[in-house]
Amino acid sequence: MSEPPEHRIKRLKMRSMRRGIREMDLILSAFCETRLARMGARDLDIYDALLEENDQDLYRWVTGQAAAPDPYGEVIAEISQTFQK
């Protein structure tokens, strides 16, 4: 049984808000508010997998301190743009 899209988005938002590093809570929450509901299933799959990564790596990728690995490059770029606004 597949998860209804509205439940999936709610779950991803909650996982984005409850990170280990407060900075990532704020960055990912802002991204979710502006972008998550408009993402397709493939992009949601990538974002869901991204949330399994540790916060230190995510922070380094979002802030440009390190290159994001495939397949996260595109979503990290979008998160970075949200973060910089």
Protein backbone atom coordinates (compact mmCIF):
# COMPACT_ATOMS: atom_id res chain seq x y z
CA MET A 1 0.00 0.00 0.00
CA SER A 2 1.44 3.36 -0.99
CA GLU A 3 1.48 6.39 1.23
CA PRO A 4 -0.96 9.15 0.18
CA PRO A 5 0.93 12.24 -1.08
CA GLU A 6 -0.40 14.52 1.67
CA HIS A 7 0.76 12.07 4.36
CA ARG A 8 4.15 11.72 2.73
CA ILE A 9 4.64 15.49 2.57
CA LYS A 10 3.60 15.85 6.21
CA ARG A 11 6.02 13.10 7.25
CA LEU A 12 8.88 14.69 5.28
CA LYS A 13 8.15 18.08 6.82
CA MET A 14 8.28 16.59 10.31
CA ARG A 15 11.56 14.79 9.57
CA SER A 16 12.96 18.06 8.20
CA MET A 17 12.03 19.95 11.36
CA ARG A 18 13.41 17.40 13.80
CA ARG A 19 17.07 17.17 12.84
CA GLY A 20 20.07 16.93 15.13
CA ILE A 21 21.44 20.38 14.31
CA ARG A 22 19.20 23.42 14.79
CA GLU A 23 20.63 25.10 11.68
CA MET A 24 19.47 22.17 9.55
CA ASP A 25 16.02 22.31 11.20
CA LEU A 26 15.69 25.92 10.07
CA ILE A 27 17.15 25.43 6.59
CA LEU A 28 15.13 22.33 5.74
CA SER A 29 11.92 23.71 7.25
CA ALA A 30 12.19 26.83 5.06
CA PHE A 31 12.79 24.63 2.02
CA CYS A 32 9.77 22.48 2.83
CA GLU A 33 7.47 25.45 3.13
CA THR A 34 8.42 26.82 -0.27
CA ARG A 35 9.03 23.71 -2.35
CA LEU A 36 7.93 20.33 -0.98
CA ALA A 37 4.26 20.43 -2.02
CA ARG A 38 5.26 21.15 -5.64
CA MET A 39 7.75 18.29 -5.94
CA GLY A 40 7.01 15.22 -8.04
CA ALA A 41 7.27 11.64 -6.78
CA ARG A 42 10.85 11.18 -8.05
CA ASP A 43 12.06 14.36 -6.35
CA LEU A 44 10.26 13.39 -3.14
CA ASP A 45 12.05 10.02 -3.27
CA ILE A 46 15.40 11.81 -3.55
CA TYR A 47 14.51 14.22 -0.73
CA ASP A 48 13.36 11.32 1.44
CA ALA A 49 16.70 9.58 0.89
CA LEU A 50 18.55 12.85 1.56
CA LEU A 51 16.97 13.02 5.01
CA GLU A 52 18.77 9.78 5.88
CA GLU A 53 22.14 11.58 5.57
CA ASN A 54 23.77 13.03 8.66
CA ASP A 55 23.38 16.71 9.47
CA GLN A 56 27.08 17.54 9.33
CA ASP A 57 27.28 16.37 5.71
CA LEU A 58 24.01 18.08 4.79
CA TYR A 59 25.20 21.34 6.28
CA ARG A 60 28.50 21.18 4.40
CA TRP A 61 26.68 20.47 1.11
CA VAL A 62 24.07 23.23 1.58
CA THR A 63 26.64 25.84 2.54
CA GLY A 64 28.96 24.90 -0.33
CA GLN A 65 31.78 23.65 1.89
CA ALA A 66 31.66 20.30 0.05
CA ALA A 67 30.12 19.03 -3.17
CA ALA A 68 26.91 17.06 -2.79
CA PRO A 69 27.06 13.49 -4.09
CA ASP A 70 24.74 12.18 -6.78
CA PRO A 71 21.76 12.08 -6.82
CA TYR A 72 21.46 14.95 -4.33
CA GLY A 73 23.08 17.74 -6.33
CA GLU A 74 19.90 19.27 -7.73
CA VAL A 75 17.90 19.23 -4.49
CA ILE A 76 20.89 20.54 -2.52
CA ALA A 77 21.15 23.43 -5.00
CA GLU A 78 17.47 24.22 -4.43
CA ILE A 79 17.88 24.03 -0.66
CA SER A 80 20.93 26.32 -0.90
CA GLN A 81 18.93 28.88 -2.87
CA THR A 82 16.19 28.83 -0.22
CA PHE A 83 18.82 29.11 2.51
CA GLN A 84 20.48 32.14 0.88
CA LYS A 85 17.25 34.14 0.54
